[in-house]
N, C-alpha and C. Protein backbone atom coordinates (compact mmCIF):
# COMPACT_ATOMS: atom_id res chain seq x y z
N MET A 1 120.95 123.94 128.78
CA MET A 1 120.58 122.58 128.47
C MET A 1 120.74 122.34 126.98
N GLU A 2 121.88 121.83 126.54
CA GLU A 2 122.15 121.61 125.13
C GLU A 2 121.25 120.52 124.56
N THR A 3 121.34 119.32 125.11
CA THR A 3 120.42 118.26 124.72
C THR A 3 119.32 118.21 125.75
N GLU A 4 118.19 117.68 125.34
CA GLU A 4 117.08 117.64 126.28
C GLU A 4 117.33 116.58 127.34
N GLU A 5 117.41 117.04 128.56
CA GLU A 5 117.62 116.15 129.70
C GLU A 5 116.60 116.48 130.76
N LEU A 6 116.46 115.59 131.68
CA LEU A 6 115.53 115.77 132.78
C LEU A 6 116.25 115.39 134.06
N LYS A 7 117.20 116.25 134.45
CA LYS A 7 118.02 115.95 135.61
C LYS A 7 117.77 116.88 136.78
N SER A 8 117.28 118.08 136.51
CA SER A 8 117.05 119.04 137.58
C SER A 8 115.65 119.61 137.45
N GLN A 9 115.21 120.30 138.52
CA GLN A 9 113.89 120.92 138.46
C GLN A 9 113.86 122.02 137.40
N ASN A 10 114.98 122.65 137.16
CA ASN A 10 115.06 123.65 136.10
C ASN A 10 114.82 122.99 134.74
N ASP A 11 115.39 121.80 134.52
CA ASP A 11 115.14 121.06 133.28
C ASP A 11 113.64 120.75 133.14
N LEU A 12 113.03 120.35 134.24
CA LEU A 12 111.61 120.03 134.23
C LEU A 12 110.79 121.25 133.83
N GLU A 13 111.13 122.40 134.36
CA GLU A 13 110.41 123.63 134.02
C GLU A 13 110.55 123.95 132.53
N VAL A 14 111.76 123.84 132.02
CA VAL A 14 112.01 124.12 130.60
C VAL A 14 111.23 123.14 129.72
N ILE A 15 111.26 121.88 130.08
CA ILE A 15 110.56 120.85 129.32
C ILE A 15 109.05 121.04 129.41
N PHE A 16 108.57 121.42 130.59
CA PHE A 16 107.14 121.67 130.76
C PHE A 16 106.71 122.81 129.84
N ILE A 17 107.46 123.89 129.84
CA ILE A 17 107.13 125.04 128.99
C ILE A 17 107.13 124.64 127.51
N LYS A 18 108.09 123.84 127.13
CA LYS A 18 108.24 123.44 125.73
C LYS A 18 107.17 122.45 125.28
N TYR A 19 106.79 121.50 126.13
CA TYR A 19 105.93 120.40 125.70
C TYR A 19 104.54 120.36 126.32
N ASN A 20 104.23 121.21 127.26
CA ASN A 20 102.93 121.13 127.90
C ASN A 20 101.78 121.29 126.91
N ARG A 21 101.90 122.23 126.01
CA ARG A 21 100.82 122.46 125.03
C ARG A 21 100.60 121.22 124.15
N LEU A 22 101.68 120.60 123.72
CA LEU A 22 101.58 119.39 122.90
C LEU A 22 100.89 118.27 123.67
N ILE A 23 101.33 118.04 124.89
CA ILE A 23 100.76 116.97 125.72
C ILE A 23 99.31 117.25 126.04
N TYR A 24 99.01 118.49 126.43
CA TYR A 24 97.63 118.88 126.75
C TYR A 24 96.74 118.67 125.53
N SER A 25 97.18 119.13 124.36
CA SER A 25 96.38 119.01 123.13
C SER A 25 96.11 117.55 122.79
N TYR A 26 97.14 116.73 122.91
CA TYR A 26 96.97 115.30 122.63
C TYR A 26 95.88 114.71 123.52
N ILE A 27 95.95 114.97 124.80
CA ILE A 27 94.99 114.41 125.75
C ILE A 27 93.60 115.02 125.53
N TYR A 28 93.56 116.33 125.28
CA TYR A 28 92.28 117.00 125.06
C TYR A 28 91.56 116.39 123.86
N LEU A 29 92.28 116.14 122.78
CA LEU A 29 91.66 115.55 121.60
C LEU A 29 91.24 114.11 121.83
N PHE A 30 91.87 113.46 122.75
CA PHE A 30 91.50 112.08 123.08
C PHE A 30 90.17 112.04 123.82
N PHE A 31 89.94 112.98 124.74
CA PHE A 31 88.75 112.96 125.58
C PHE A 31 87.82 114.15 125.39
N TYR A 32 88.30 115.21 124.75
CA TYR A 32 87.53 116.44 124.55
C TYR A 32 87.01 116.97 125.88
N SER A 33 87.87 116.96 126.87
CA SER A 33 87.53 117.46 128.21
C SER A 33 88.72 118.27 128.74
N LYS A 34 88.46 119.53 129.02
CA LYS A 34 89.50 120.42 129.52
C LYS A 34 90.06 119.92 130.85
N GLU A 35 89.17 119.53 131.75
CA GLU A 35 89.59 119.07 133.09
C GLU A 35 90.43 117.79 133.00
N THR A 36 89.98 116.85 132.19
CA THR A 36 90.72 115.60 132.03
C THR A 36 92.09 115.87 131.41
N ALA A 37 92.11 116.74 130.41
CA ALA A 37 93.39 117.08 129.76
C ALA A 37 94.35 117.73 130.74
N GLU A 38 93.85 118.64 131.55
CA GLU A 38 94.71 119.30 132.54
C GLU A 38 95.26 118.29 133.54
N ASP A 39 94.37 117.44 134.05
CA ASP A 39 94.78 116.44 135.06
C ASP A 39 95.80 115.46 134.50
N LEU A 40 95.52 114.91 133.32
CA LEU A 40 96.41 113.91 132.76
C LEU A 40 97.71 114.52 132.24
N ALA A 41 97.66 115.76 131.77
CA ALA A 41 98.90 116.42 131.35
C ALA A 41 99.80 116.63 132.57
N GLN A 42 99.20 117.07 133.65
CA GLN A 42 99.97 117.26 134.89
C GLN A 42 100.56 115.93 135.34
N GLU A 43 99.76 114.89 135.28
CA GLU A 43 100.24 113.56 135.69
C GLU A 43 101.36 113.07 134.77
N THR A 44 101.30 113.43 133.50
CA THR A 44 102.36 113.06 132.56
C THR A 44 103.70 113.61 133.03
N PHE A 45 103.73 114.88 133.41
CA PHE A 45 104.99 115.50 133.83
C PHE A 45 105.42 115.00 135.22
N ILE A 46 104.47 114.67 136.06
CA ILE A 46 104.80 114.08 137.37
C ILE A 46 105.48 112.73 137.17
N ARG A 47 104.91 111.93 136.29
CA ARG A 47 105.51 110.61 136.01
C ARG A 47 106.86 110.74 135.32
N ALA A 48 106.97 111.71 134.43
CA ALA A 48 108.25 111.93 133.75
C ALA A 48 109.32 112.26 134.78
N TRP A 49 108.99 113.09 135.74
CA TRP A 49 109.96 113.44 136.78
C TRP A 49 110.27 112.23 137.65
N LYS A 50 109.23 111.52 138.03
CA LYS A 50 109.39 110.36 138.90
C LYS A 50 110.25 109.27 138.24
N TYR A 51 110.06 109.06 136.96
CA TYR A 51 110.76 107.99 136.25
C TYR A 51 111.83 108.53 135.31
N ARG A 52 112.37 109.69 135.60
CA ARG A 52 113.36 110.35 134.73
C ARG A 52 114.59 109.49 134.49
N GLU A 53 114.92 108.64 135.45
CA GLU A 53 116.10 107.78 135.29
C GLU A 53 115.90 106.72 134.21
N THR A 54 114.65 106.45 133.83
CA THR A 54 114.39 105.43 132.82
C THR A 54 114.44 106.00 131.40
N TYR A 55 114.48 107.33 131.27
CA TYR A 55 114.53 107.94 129.94
C TYR A 55 115.89 107.67 129.30
N ASN A 56 115.85 107.21 128.05
CA ASN A 56 117.06 106.91 127.30
C ASN A 56 117.02 107.67 125.98
N SER A 57 117.83 108.71 125.86
CA SER A 57 117.83 109.55 124.67
C SER A 57 118.32 108.80 123.43
N ASP A 58 118.96 107.65 123.63
CA ASP A 58 119.39 106.86 122.48
C ASP A 58 118.22 106.12 121.83
N LYS A 59 117.17 105.88 122.62
CA LYS A 59 116.01 105.15 122.12
C LYS A 59 114.96 106.08 121.51
N SER A 60 114.74 107.24 122.10
CA SER A 60 113.71 108.15 121.59
C SER A 60 113.99 109.58 122.05
N SER A 61 113.31 110.50 121.38
CA SER A 61 113.41 111.90 121.81
C SER A 61 112.60 112.07 123.08
N LEU A 62 112.85 113.15 123.78
CA LEU A 62 112.09 113.43 124.99
C LEU A 62 110.62 113.64 124.66
N LYS A 63 110.34 114.28 123.53
CA LYS A 63 108.96 114.49 123.10
C LYS A 63 108.24 113.16 122.93
N THR A 64 108.89 112.21 122.28
CA THR A 64 108.30 110.89 122.06
C THR A 64 108.08 110.18 123.38
N TRP A 65 109.02 110.29 124.28
CA TRP A 65 108.89 109.64 125.59
C TRP A 65 107.73 110.25 126.37
N LEU A 66 107.58 111.56 126.35
CA LEU A 66 106.48 112.23 127.05
C LEU A 66 105.13 111.83 126.46
N ILE A 67 105.04 111.76 125.14
CA ILE A 67 103.78 111.35 124.52
C ILE A 67 103.47 109.89 124.84
N THR A 68 104.49 109.07 124.95
CA THR A 68 104.28 107.67 125.34
C THR A 68 103.68 107.59 126.74
N ILE A 69 104.17 108.42 127.65
CA ILE A 69 103.62 108.47 129.01
C ILE A 69 102.16 108.94 128.96
N ALA A 70 101.91 110.03 128.21
CA ALA A 70 100.56 110.57 128.10
C ALA A 70 99.61 109.55 127.47
N ARG A 71 100.09 108.85 126.47
CA ARG A 71 99.28 107.83 125.79
C ARG A 71 98.89 106.72 126.75
N SER A 72 99.84 106.28 127.53
CA SER A 72 99.56 105.24 128.52
C SER A 72 98.51 105.71 129.52
N LEU A 73 98.65 106.94 129.97
CA LEU A 73 97.67 107.50 130.91
C LEU A 73 96.28 107.59 130.27
N CYS A 74 96.24 107.97 128.98
CA CYS A 74 94.96 108.07 128.28
C CYS A 74 94.27 106.71 128.19
N PHE A 75 95.03 105.68 127.81
CA PHE A 75 94.43 104.35 127.70
C PHE A 75 93.97 103.83 129.07
N ASP A 76 94.77 104.07 130.10
CA ASP A 76 94.37 103.66 131.45
C ASP A 76 93.10 104.39 131.88
N TYR A 77 93.07 105.68 131.63
CA TYR A 77 91.91 106.48 132.02
C TYR A 77 90.66 106.06 131.24
N ALA A 78 90.83 105.80 129.94
CA ALA A 78 89.70 105.40 129.10
C ALA A 78 89.10 104.07 129.58
N LYS A 79 89.95 103.17 130.05
CA LYS A 79 89.46 101.89 130.56
C LYS A 79 88.61 102.08 131.83
N LYS A 80 88.99 103.07 132.64
CA LYS A 80 88.30 103.31 133.91
C LYS A 80 87.03 104.15 133.75
N ARG A 81 86.95 104.90 132.66
CA ARG A 81 85.84 105.81 132.45
C ARG A 81 84.54 105.07 132.28
N LYS A 82 83.48 105.65 132.85
CA LYS A 82 82.19 105.00 132.74
C LYS A 82 81.16 105.92 132.08
N TYR A 83 81.60 107.04 131.59
CA TYR A 83 80.68 107.98 130.95
C TYR A 83 81.15 108.26 129.53
N PRO A 84 80.22 108.62 128.63
CA PRO A 84 80.60 108.87 127.24
C PRO A 84 81.37 110.17 127.09
N THR A 85 82.17 110.24 126.05
CA THR A 85 82.90 111.46 125.74
C THR A 85 81.91 112.52 125.29
N GLU A 86 82.06 113.71 125.80
CA GLU A 86 81.19 114.81 125.42
C GLU A 86 81.97 115.84 124.63
N LEU A 87 81.29 116.51 123.74
CA LEU A 87 81.91 117.58 122.98
C LEU A 87 81.99 118.83 123.84
N PRO A 88 82.93 119.73 123.57
CA PRO A 88 83.12 120.90 124.41
C PRO A 88 81.96 121.87 124.32
N GLU A 89 81.73 122.59 125.41
CA GLU A 89 80.70 123.60 125.44
C GLU A 89 81.30 124.98 125.64
N GLU A 90 82.61 125.10 125.44
CA GLU A 90 83.29 126.37 125.63
C GLU A 90 82.98 127.30 124.47
N PRO A 91 82.72 128.58 124.75
CA PRO A 91 82.46 129.52 123.66
C PRO A 91 83.74 129.81 122.89
N ALA A 92 83.59 130.17 121.64
CA ALA A 92 84.75 130.54 120.82
C ALA A 92 85.36 131.82 121.34
N ASP A 93 86.67 131.87 121.33
CA ASP A 93 87.38 133.04 121.84
C ASP A 93 88.22 133.63 120.71
N ASN A 94 87.56 134.38 119.81
CA ASN A 94 88.26 134.93 118.67
C ASN A 94 87.48 136.12 118.16
N ASN A 95 88.17 137.10 117.58
CA ASN A 95 87.50 138.27 117.03
C ASN A 95 86.66 137.92 115.81
N ASN A 96 87.11 136.99 115.02
CA ASN A 96 86.39 136.59 113.83
C ASN A 96 85.44 135.45 114.20
N LEU A 97 84.30 135.81 114.73
CA LEU A 97 83.37 134.83 115.29
C LEU A 97 82.86 133.84 114.25
N GLU A 98 82.53 134.30 113.06
CA GLU A 98 81.99 133.41 112.04
C GLU A 98 83.00 132.33 111.66
N LYS A 99 84.25 132.74 111.44
CA LYS A 99 85.30 131.79 111.09
C LYS A 99 85.53 130.81 112.23
N THR A 100 85.56 131.33 113.44
CA THR A 100 85.79 130.49 114.61
C THR A 100 84.66 129.48 114.79
N VAL A 101 83.43 129.94 114.64
CA VAL A 101 82.28 129.05 114.79
C VAL A 101 82.34 127.95 113.72
N THR A 102 82.65 128.32 112.49
CA THR A 102 82.75 127.33 111.41
C THR A 102 83.84 126.31 111.70
N GLU A 103 85.01 126.79 112.14
CA GLU A 103 86.12 125.88 112.47
C GLU A 103 85.75 124.96 113.62
N GLU A 104 85.09 125.52 114.64
CA GLU A 104 84.70 124.71 115.79
C GLU A 104 83.67 123.66 115.40
N LEU A 105 82.71 124.05 114.55
CA LEU A 105 81.71 123.08 114.10
C LEU A 105 82.35 121.95 113.30
N LEU A 106 83.31 122.31 112.44
CA LEU A 106 84.03 121.29 111.67
C LEU A 106 84.82 120.37 112.60
N LYS A 107 85.51 120.96 113.57
CA LYS A 107 86.26 120.14 114.53
C LYS A 107 85.32 119.22 115.30
N GLU A 108 84.19 119.76 115.74
CA GLU A 108 83.23 118.94 116.48
C GLU A 108 82.69 117.82 115.61
N TYR A 109 82.40 118.14 114.35
CA TYR A 109 81.89 117.12 113.44
C TYR A 109 82.91 116.00 113.25
N ILE A 110 84.15 116.38 112.94
CA ILE A 110 85.20 115.37 112.76
C ILE A 110 85.41 114.59 114.04
N TYR A 111 85.44 115.29 115.17
CA TYR A 111 85.62 114.59 116.44
C TYR A 111 84.46 113.66 116.73
N SER A 112 83.24 114.08 116.39
CA SER A 112 82.07 113.21 116.64
C SER A 112 82.17 111.91 115.85
N ARG A 113 82.89 111.92 114.73
CA ARG A 113 83.14 110.71 113.97
C ARG A 113 84.36 109.98 114.51
N LEU A 114 85.35 110.74 114.93
CA LEU A 114 86.58 110.16 115.47
C LEU A 114 86.30 109.32 116.71
N ILE A 115 85.38 109.77 117.57
CA ILE A 115 85.10 109.02 118.80
C ILE A 115 84.37 107.71 118.53
N LEU A 116 83.87 107.54 117.31
CA LEU A 116 83.22 106.29 116.95
C LEU A 116 84.23 105.20 116.59
N LEU A 117 85.47 105.60 116.37
CA LEU A 117 86.53 104.65 116.05
C LEU A 117 87.04 103.97 117.32
N SER A 118 87.78 102.91 117.14
CA SER A 118 88.39 102.24 118.29
C SER A 118 89.40 103.18 118.94
N GLU A 119 89.75 102.91 120.18
CA GLU A 119 90.73 103.74 120.89
C GLU A 119 92.06 103.76 120.14
N ILE A 120 92.43 102.63 119.57
CA ILE A 120 93.71 102.55 118.85
C ILE A 120 93.68 103.40 117.58
N ASP A 121 92.60 103.30 116.80
CA ASP A 121 92.50 104.10 115.58
C ASP A 121 92.45 105.59 115.91
N LYS A 122 91.68 105.92 116.92
CA LYS A 122 91.58 107.33 117.34
C LYS A 122 92.95 107.84 117.78
N ASP A 123 93.65 107.05 118.53
CA ASP A 123 94.99 107.41 119.01
C ASP A 123 95.94 107.69 117.84
N LEU A 124 95.96 106.80 116.88
CA LEU A 124 96.85 106.95 115.73
C LEU A 124 96.55 108.23 114.96
N LEU A 125 95.28 108.51 114.72
CA LEU A 125 94.90 109.70 113.96
C LEU A 125 95.22 110.99 114.72
N ILE A 126 95.02 110.98 116.02
CA ILE A 126 95.36 112.15 116.83
C ILE A 126 96.87 112.40 116.79
N LEU A 127 97.64 111.34 116.98
CA LEU A 127 99.09 111.50 116.96
C LEU A 127 99.58 112.03 115.61
N ARG A 128 99.02 111.52 114.53
CA ARG A 128 99.50 111.90 113.19
C ARG A 128 98.99 113.27 112.74
N PHE A 129 97.69 113.50 112.85
CA PHE A 129 97.12 114.68 112.23
C PHE A 129 96.94 115.86 113.18
N TYR A 130 96.73 115.61 114.44
CA TYR A 130 96.59 116.72 115.37
C TYR A 130 97.94 117.09 115.99
N ASN A 131 98.69 116.08 116.39
CA ASN A 131 100.00 116.34 116.99
C ASN A 131 101.11 116.43 115.94
N GLU A 132 100.78 116.09 114.71
CA GLU A 132 101.69 116.18 113.57
C GLU A 132 103.00 115.44 113.80
N LEU A 133 102.90 114.25 114.37
CA LEU A 133 104.09 113.42 114.56
C LEU A 133 104.40 112.64 113.30
N ALA A 134 105.67 112.40 113.10
CA ALA A 134 106.11 111.58 111.97
C ALA A 134 105.74 110.12 112.24
N ILE A 135 105.62 109.36 111.18
CA ILE A 135 105.27 107.95 111.33
C ILE A 135 106.32 107.22 112.16
N GLU A 136 107.59 107.60 112.01
CA GLU A 136 108.66 107.00 112.80
C GLU A 136 108.43 107.23 114.30
N GLU A 137 108.00 108.44 114.67
CA GLU A 137 107.75 108.74 116.08
C GLU A 137 106.56 107.95 116.60
N ILE A 138 105.52 107.85 115.79
CA ILE A 138 104.34 107.09 116.19
C ILE A 138 104.70 105.62 116.36
N ALA A 139 105.55 105.11 115.48
CA ALA A 139 105.99 103.71 115.60
C ALA A 139 106.72 103.49 116.92
N LEU A 140 107.58 104.43 117.31
CA LEU A 140 108.27 104.32 118.60
C LEU A 140 107.28 104.33 119.76
N ILE A 141 106.32 105.23 119.69
CA ILE A 141 105.33 105.38 120.77
C ILE A 141 104.47 104.12 120.91
N THR A 142 104.05 103.59 119.77
CA THR A 142 103.14 102.43 119.81
C THR A 142 103.87 101.09 119.90
N GLY A 143 105.19 101.11 119.66
CA GLY A 143 105.95 99.87 119.73
C GLY A 143 105.78 98.99 118.51
N LYS A 144 105.38 99.60 117.38
CA LYS A 144 105.20 98.84 116.14
C LYS A 144 106.29 99.23 115.15
N THR A 145 106.39 98.45 114.09
CA THR A 145 107.34 98.80 113.04
C THR A 145 106.80 99.98 112.23
N TYR A 146 107.68 100.58 111.47
CA TYR A 146 107.28 101.70 110.61
C TYR A 146 106.17 101.25 109.65
N ASP A 147 106.36 100.12 108.98
CA ASP A 147 105.39 99.65 107.99
C ASP A 147 104.04 99.31 108.64
N ALA A 148 104.09 98.67 109.80
CA ALA A 148 102.84 98.34 110.50
C ALA A 148 102.11 99.61 110.92
N THR A 149 102.87 100.61 111.36
CA THR A 149 102.26 101.87 111.78
C THR A 149 101.64 102.58 110.58
N LYS A 150 102.36 102.61 109.48
CA LYS A 150 101.86 103.25 108.27
C LYS A 150 100.57 102.58 107.80
N MET A 151 100.54 101.27 107.84
CA MET A 151 99.35 100.53 107.42
C MET A 151 98.18 100.78 108.38
N ALA A 152 98.46 100.76 109.67
CA ALA A 152 97.42 101.01 110.67
C ALA A 152 96.84 102.42 110.52
N LEU A 153 97.70 103.40 110.26
CA LEU A 153 97.24 104.77 110.03
C LEU A 153 96.35 104.85 108.79
N SER A 154 96.77 104.19 107.74
CA SER A 154 95.99 104.19 106.50
C SER A 154 94.61 103.58 106.74
N ARG A 155 94.57 102.49 107.46
CA ARG A 155 93.29 101.83 107.75
C ARG A 155 92.41 102.69 108.65
N ALA A 156 93.02 103.32 109.65
CA ALA A 156 92.25 104.19 110.56
C ALA A 156 91.67 105.38 109.80
N PHE A 157 92.47 105.97 108.92
CA PHE A 157 92.00 107.10 108.12
C PHE A 157 90.87 106.66 107.19
N SER A 158 91.00 105.48 106.60
CA SER A 158 89.95 104.95 105.72
C SER A 158 88.65 104.74 106.50
N LYS A 159 88.75 104.24 107.72
CA LYS A 159 87.56 104.03 108.56
C LYS A 159 86.89 105.37 108.87
N LEU A 160 87.69 106.40 109.16
CA LEU A 160 87.14 107.72 109.44
C LEU A 160 86.46 108.28 108.20
N LYS A 161 87.10 108.16 107.05
CA LYS A 161 86.50 108.64 105.79
C LYS A 161 85.21 107.90 105.51
N GLU A 162 85.19 106.61 105.77
CA GLU A 162 83.99 105.81 105.53
C GLU A 162 82.84 106.28 106.43
N LEU A 163 83.14 106.55 107.69
CA LEU A 163 82.11 107.05 108.60
C LEU A 163 81.53 108.38 108.11
N ILE A 164 82.39 109.25 107.65
CA ILE A 164 81.95 110.56 107.16
C ILE A 164 81.16 110.40 105.86
N ASN A 165 81.65 109.58 104.94
CA ASN A 165 80.97 109.38 103.66
C ASN A 165 79.61 108.70 103.83
N ASN A 166 79.52 107.72 104.73
CA ASN A 166 78.25 107.03 104.96
C ASN A 166 77.20 107.96 105.52
N GLU A 167 77.61 108.92 106.31
CA GLU A 167 76.65 109.86 106.88
C GLU A 167 76.12 110.82 105.82
N ASN A 168 76.94 111.11 104.81
CA ASN A 168 76.55 112.07 103.78
C ASN A 168 75.73 111.44 102.66
N LYS A 169 75.43 110.16 102.76
CA LYS A 169 74.62 109.48 101.70
C LYS A 169 73.16 109.67 101.97
């Protein structure tokens, strides 16, 4: 498979192996739920296979298209959800327990502030800082211009900083 295509089940397997972690992480950070992330990640690849004929490599990369599917699923799921987002209760799985606990506490703290933002602001920050997507890719996913995306990211980051700073006063 020279260019990324989704024409055969073998292509799907290769793409799943390559992008499952990215898709799962994106969804997990959106809801902080292992079960939800697993379910929606699986649904992302099911939809990608089902609608593979609509993928256009001239418009976006396969990675961007998959994240767009996952993003849509996240927003749909968030609208249907009737319970608050909970932080994970999974124990740290690392030999360096102190470092892991500190990192997890920091992640939980940042996430506890992140969930206070709007779905759109949270989405933008997850795409940029957790998934490490370029602003151009985020613009494609969200359907906004580069400048509008850059401005929205800046505002979302400022809101997050403000939430953190206000708590520390």
